[in-house]
Amino acid sequence: MSAKNYETMVVFSVANGEEAVQALIEKFKAMIEAEGTLESIDEWGKRKLAYPINDEPEGYYAIYNYSAEPEFPAELDRVFKITDGVLRSLIIAKEEK
């Protein structure tokens, strides 16, 4: 099985402050690095959400670009869903060039 390329966008809660956001970004960075190859993290920073999520009008956006085995995104998604401070996440498999 060969690694595939993925892009994952995560919207973190800003309710617990910048340190909490950075801690979560590092947590998922470490998780991705343990399972695959992290190419980049693009932090868009704090943005107004299109609609409030959990009564929060803003979120902190981060986009991870990485390659990993095909089983990994499902595990990553499971962890996103049970992690406090993650409002939304989206994992996209990129097309091979």
C-alpha atoms as a PDB file:
ATOM      1  CA  MET A   1       0.000   0.000   0.000  1.00  0.00           C
ATOM      2  CA  SER A   2       1.401   3.393  -0.876  1.00  0.00           C
ATOM      3  CA  ALA A   3       0.866   6.729   0.796  1.00  0.00           C
ATOM      4  CA  LYS A   4      -1.697   9.133  -0.627  1.00  0.00           C
ATOM      5  CA  ASN A   5      -1.804  12.917  -0.425  1.00  0.00           C
ATOM      6  CA  TYR A   6      -4.392  14.601   1.774  1.00  0.00           C
ATOM      7  CA  GLU A   7      -5.510  18.087   2.689  1.00  0.00           C
ATOM      8  CA  THR A   8      -7.269  18.559   5.993  1.00  0.00           C
ATOM      9  CA  MET A   9      -8.967  21.772   7.081  1.00  0.00           C
ATOM     10  CA  VAL A  10      -9.748  22.156  10.754  1.00  0.00           C
ATOM     11  CA  VAL A  11     -11.706  24.931  12.445  1.00  0.00           C
ATOM     12  CA  PHE A  12     -10.665  25.244  16.074  1.00  0.00           C
ATOM     13  CA  SER A  13     -12.626  26.974  18.825  1.00  0.00           C
ATOM     14  CA  VAL A  14     -11.115  30.278  19.970  1.00  0.00           C
ATOM     15  CA  ALA A  15     -13.159  30.276  23.193  1.00  0.00           C
ATOM     16  CA  ASN A  16     -10.245  28.871  25.232  1.00  0.00           C
ATOM     17  CA  GLY A  17      -7.684  31.350  23.902  1.00  0.00           C
ATOM     18  CA  GLU A  18      -4.735  31.322  21.491  1.00  0.00           C
ATOM     19  CA  GLU A  19      -2.624  28.939  23.614  1.00  0.00           C
ATOM     20  CA  ALA A  20      -5.333  26.280  23.473  1.00  0.00           C
ATOM     21  CA  VAL A  21      -5.548  26.647  19.681  1.00  0.00           C
ATOM     22  CA  GLN A  22      -1.773  26.367  19.259  1.00  0.00           C
ATOM     23  CA  ALA A  23      -1.692  23.317  21.539  1.00  0.00           C
ATOM     24  CA  LEU A  24      -4.303  21.588  19.345  1.00  0.00           C
ATOM     25  CA  ILE A  25      -2.455  22.534  16.145  1.00  0.00           C
ATOM     26  CA  GLU A  26       0.710  20.974  17.606  1.00  0.00           C
ATOM     27  CA  LYS A  27      -1.181  17.895  18.801  1.00  0.00           C
ATOM     28  CA  PHE A  28      -2.495  17.124  15.312  1.00  0.00           C
ATOM     29  CA  LYS A  29       0.833  18.051  13.717  1.00  0.00           C
ATOM     30  CA  ALA A  30       2.529  15.431  15.912  1.00  0.00           C
ATOM     31  CA  MET A  31      -0.175  12.882  15.139  1.00  0.00           C
ATOM     32  CA  ILE A  32       0.211  13.383  11.372  1.00  0.00           C
ATOM     33  CA  GLU A  33       4.018  13.268  11.594  1.00  0.00           C
ATOM     34  CA  ALA A  34       3.835  10.002  13.526  1.00  0.00           C
ATOM     35  CA  GLU A  35       1.746   8.357  10.788  1.00  0.00           C
ATOM     36  CA  GLY A  36       2.883  10.079   7.607  1.00  0.00           C
ATOM     37  CA  THR A  37       4.791  12.968   6.053  1.00  0.00           C
ATOM     38  CA  LEU A  38       3.623  16.488   6.859  1.00  0.00           C
ATOM     39  CA  GLU A  39       4.275  18.828   3.942  1.00  0.00           C
ATOM     40  CA  SER A  40       2.848  22.061   5.339  1.00  0.00           C
ATOM     41  CA  ILE A  41       0.517  23.703   7.822  1.00  0.00           C
ATOM     42  CA  ASP A  42      -1.212  26.781   6.464  1.00  0.00           C
ATOM     43  CA  GLU A  43      -2.679  28.801   9.327  1.00  0.00           C
ATOM     44  CA  TRP A  44      -5.388  31.160   8.155  1.00  0.00           C
ATOM     45  CA  GLY A  45      -5.900  32.405  11.691  1.00  0.00           C
ATOM     46  CA  LYS A  46      -9.070  33.676  13.285  1.00  0.00           C
ATOM     47  CA  ARG A  47     -11.989  34.167  10.904  1.00  0.00           C
ATOM     48  CA  LYS A  48     -15.650  34.946  11.256  1.00  0.00           C
ATOM     49  CA  LEU A  49     -17.719  31.819  10.663  1.00  0.00           C
ATOM     50  CA  ALA A  50     -20.521  31.824   8.081  1.00  0.00           C
ATOM     51  CA  TYR A  51     -22.852  30.820  10.909  1.00  0.00           C
ATOM     52  CA  PRO A  52     -22.238  30.281  14.647  1.00  0.00           C
ATOM     53  CA  ILE A  53     -21.116  26.777  15.649  1.00  0.00           C
ATOM     54  CA  ASN A  54     -21.831  25.949  19.308  1.00  0.00           C
ATOM     55  CA  ASP A  55     -22.736  29.650  19.777  1.00  0.00           C
ATOM     56  CA  GLU A  56     -19.237  30.687  18.630  1.00  0.00           C
ATOM     57  CA  PRO A  57     -19.098  33.378  15.920  1.00  0.00           C
ATOM     58  CA  GLU A  58     -15.375  32.884  15.141  1.00  0.00           C
ATOM     59  CA  GLY A  59     -13.024  29.999  14.544  1.00  0.00           C
ATOM     60  CA  TYR A  60      -9.296  29.502  13.951  1.00  0.00           C
ATOM     61  CA  TYR A  61      -8.591  27.871  10.601  1.00  0.00           C
ATOM     62  CA  ALA A  62      -5.626  25.608   9.900  1.00  0.00           C
ATOM     63  CA  ILE A  63      -4.948  23.508   6.797  1.00  0.00           C
ATOM     64  CA  TYR A  64      -2.650  20.509   6.940  1.00  0.00           C
ATOM     65  CA  ASN A  65      -1.126  19.084   3.733  1.00  0.00           C
ATOM     66  CA  TYR A  66       0.372  15.640   4.182  1.00  0.00           C
ATOM     67  CA  SER A  67       0.791  12.162   2.782  1.00  0.00           C
ATOM     68  CA  ALA A  68      -0.176   9.074   4.742  1.00  0.00           C
ATOM     69  CA  GLU A  69      -1.455   5.537   4.349  1.00  0.00           C
ATOM     70  CA  PRO A  70      -5.141   5.338   3.270  1.00  0.00           C
ATOM     71  CA  GLU A  71      -6.279   4.058   6.706  1.00  0.00           C
ATOM     72  CA  PHE A  72      -4.960   7.098   8.591  1.00  0.00           C
ATOM     73  CA  PRO A  73      -7.586   9.773   7.676  1.00  0.00           C
ATOM     74  CA  ALA A  74     -10.390   7.740   9.272  1.00  0.00           C
ATOM     75  CA  GLU A  75      -8.457   7.590  12.554  1.00  0.00           C
ATOM     76  CA  LEU A  76      -7.625  11.309  12.323  1.00  0.00           C
ATOM     77  CA  ASP A  77     -11.308  12.108  11.717  1.00  0.00           C
ATOM     78  CA  ARG A  78     -12.316  10.002  14.736  1.00  0.00           C
ATOM     79  CA  VAL A  79      -9.892  11.947  16.949  1.00  0.00           C
ATOM     80  CA  PHE A  80     -11.169  15.293  15.593  1.00  0.00           C
ATOM     81  CA  LYS A  81     -14.728  14.306  16.524  1.00  0.00           C
ATOM     82  CA  ILE A  82     -13.839  13.492  20.158  1.00  0.00           C
ATOM     83  CA  THR A  83     -11.482  16.435  20.738  1.00  0.00           C
ATOM     84  CA  ASP A  84     -12.796  19.458  22.629  1.00  0.00           C
ATOM     85  CA  GLY A  85     -11.877  22.618  20.769  1.00  0.00           C
ATOM     86  CA  VAL A  86     -12.402  21.230  17.254  1.00  0.00           C
ATOM     87  CA  LEU A  87     -15.518  22.820  15.761  1.00  0.00           C
ATOM     88  CA  ARG A  88     -15.313  21.314  12.263  1.00  0.00           C
ATOM     89  CA  SER A  89     -12.915  19.267  10.170  1.00  0.00           C
ATOM     90  CA  LEU A  90     -12.770  18.204   6.549  1.00  0.00           C
ATOM     91  CA  ILE A  91     -10.349  15.664   5.092  1.00  0.00           C
ATOM     92  CA  ILE A  92      -9.851  15.648   1.326  1.00  0.00           C
ATOM     93  CA  ALA A  93      -7.868  13.093  -0.670  1.00  0.00           C
ATOM     94  CA  LYS A  94      -5.927  15.011  -3.326  1.00  0.00           C
ATOM     95  CA  GLU A  95      -5.771  13.793  -6.894  1.00  0.00           C
ATOM     96  CA  GLU A  96      -2.522  12.175  -7.933  1.00  0.00           C
ATOM     97  CA  LYS A  97      -0.690  14.289 -10.507  1.00  0.00           C
END
